[in-house]
């Protein structure tokens, strides 16, 4: 049961994070996936990051806590050159700003 569920989540994360930069949960919390320069991530970067979440998240999280950097990235986010950022809306509600929390 583990493999089919992981493949389903892998597909979900790849499709939504590559197309929009956001999954349903990220949209709820005003988060977005970008590359390290704040632009749309590459497909390969999203695949690598999603693989880590889908199949070996506990290991990825523990290693990320031990070998952390100033951006607080998981290991597979570093490998995929991706980062999760917080979206901050302007006061007038237009053109959201992206910033590191």
Protein backbone atom coordinates (compact mmCIF):
# COMPACT_ATOMS: atom_id res chain seq x y z
CA UNK A 1 0.00 0.00 0.00
CA UNK A 2 2.98 2.32 0.61
CA UNK A 3 4.24 2.37 -3.00
CA UNK A 4 0.91 3.21 -4.74
CA UNK A 5 0.17 5.96 -2.21
CA UNK A 6 3.64 7.42 -2.60
CA UNK A 7 3.35 7.38 -6.40
CA UNK A 8 -0.03 9.15 -6.15
CA UNK A 9 1.44 11.89 -3.93
CA UNK A 10 4.52 12.15 -6.17
CA UNK A 11 2.28 12.81 -9.18
CA UNK A 12 0.15 15.31 -7.25
CA UNK A 13 3.18 17.32 -6.06
CA UNK A 14 4.94 17.27 -9.43
CA UNK A 15 1.89 18.45 -11.39
CA UNK A 16 0.76 21.22 -9.03
CA UNK A 17 4.15 22.51 -7.90
CA UNK A 18 5.52 22.65 -11.44
CA UNK A 19 2.40 24.20 -12.98
CA UNK A 20 1.45 26.71 -10.25
CA UNK A 21 4.18 26.49 -7.61
CA UNK A 22 1.51 25.63 -5.05
CA UNK A 23 -0.38 22.61 -3.79
CA UNK A 24 -3.69 23.00 -1.98
CA UNK A 25 -1.93 23.10 1.41
CA UNK A 26 0.65 25.64 0.24
CA UNK A 27 -2.13 27.83 -1.14
CA UNK A 28 -3.93 27.72 2.22
CA UNK A 29 -0.79 28.88 4.04
CA UNK A 30 0.34 31.40 1.39
CA UNK A 31 3.45 29.41 0.46
CA UNK A 32 5.01 28.79 -2.93
CA UNK A 33 7.80 26.66 -4.39
CA UNK A 34 10.40 28.53 -6.44
CA UNK A 35 13.98 27.94 -7.47
CA UNK A 36 16.70 29.48 -5.31
CA UNK A 37 16.53 32.70 -7.39
CA UNK A 38 12.78 33.15 -6.75
CA UNK A 39 11.72 32.09 -10.27
CA UNK A 40 9.63 29.17 -11.49
CA UNK A 41 11.39 25.92 -10.56
CA UNK A 42 12.56 23.51 -13.24
CA UNK A 43 10.63 20.30 -13.82
CA UNK A 44 13.65 18.24 -12.73
CA UNK A 45 13.96 20.30 -9.53
CA UNK A 46 10.32 19.69 -8.67
CA UNK A 47 10.67 15.97 -9.44
CA UNK A 48 13.71 15.65 -7.16
CA UNK A 49 12.06 17.60 -4.33
CA UNK A 50 8.80 15.67 -4.66
CA UNK A 51 10.59 12.33 -4.68
CA UNK A 52 12.10 13.12 -1.30
CA UNK A 53 8.68 14.03 0.13
CA UNK A 54 6.96 11.01 -1.38
CA UNK A 55 9.29 8.18 -0.53
CA UNK A 56 11.79 9.09 2.19
CA UNK A 57 10.43 12.15 4.01
CA UNK A 58 11.48 11.07 7.53
CA UNK A 59 15.10 10.56 6.44
CA UNK A 60 15.01 13.80 4.42
CA UNK A 61 13.66 15.75 7.41
CA UNK A 62 16.12 14.29 9.93
CA UNK A 63 19.12 14.90 7.65
CA UNK A 64 17.78 18.38 6.92
CA UNK A 65 17.69 19.18 10.65
CA UNK A 66 21.22 17.86 11.19
CA UNK A 67 22.78 19.34 8.05
CA UNK A 68 20.75 22.54 7.78
CA UNK A 69 21.54 25.81 6.04
CA UNK A 70 20.30 29.38 6.51
CA UNK A 71 17.41 28.76 4.07
CA UNK A 72 16.07 25.82 6.14
CA UNK A 73 15.84 23.58 3.08
CA UNK A 74 15.29 19.84 3.16
CA UNK A 75 18.05 17.77 1.54
CA UNK A 76 15.98 17.06 -1.58
CA UNK A 77 15.06 20.75 -1.90
CA UNK A 78 18.77 21.54 -2.00
CA UNK A 79 19.39 18.80 -4.54
CA UNK A 80 16.53 20.11 -6.71
CA UNK A 81 17.51 23.78 -6.31
CA UNK A 82 14.06 24.61 -4.90
CA UNK A 83 12.87 26.53 -1.86
CA UNK A 84 9.49 27.16 -0.23
CA UNK A 85 8.75 30.85 0.28
CA UNK A 86 5.98 32.84 1.95
CA UNK A 87 3.76 35.02 -0.24
CA UNK A 88 3.01 38.47 1.15
CA UNK A 89 0.28 40.53 -0.50
CA UNK A 90 0.66 44.25 -1.05
CA UNK A 91 -1.60 46.55 0.94
CA UNK A 92 -3.75 47.19 -2.12
CA UNK A 93 -4.07 43.44 -2.81
CA UNK A 94 -2.17 43.48 -6.10
CA UNK A 95 1.13 41.97 -7.21
CA UNK A 96 2.06 39.69 -4.33
CA UNK A 97 5.59 39.95 -2.95
CA UNK A 98 7.63 36.85 -2.27
CA UNK A 99 9.90 36.80 0.73
CA UNK A 100 11.89 34.37 2.83
CA UNK A 101 10.27 33.92 6.22
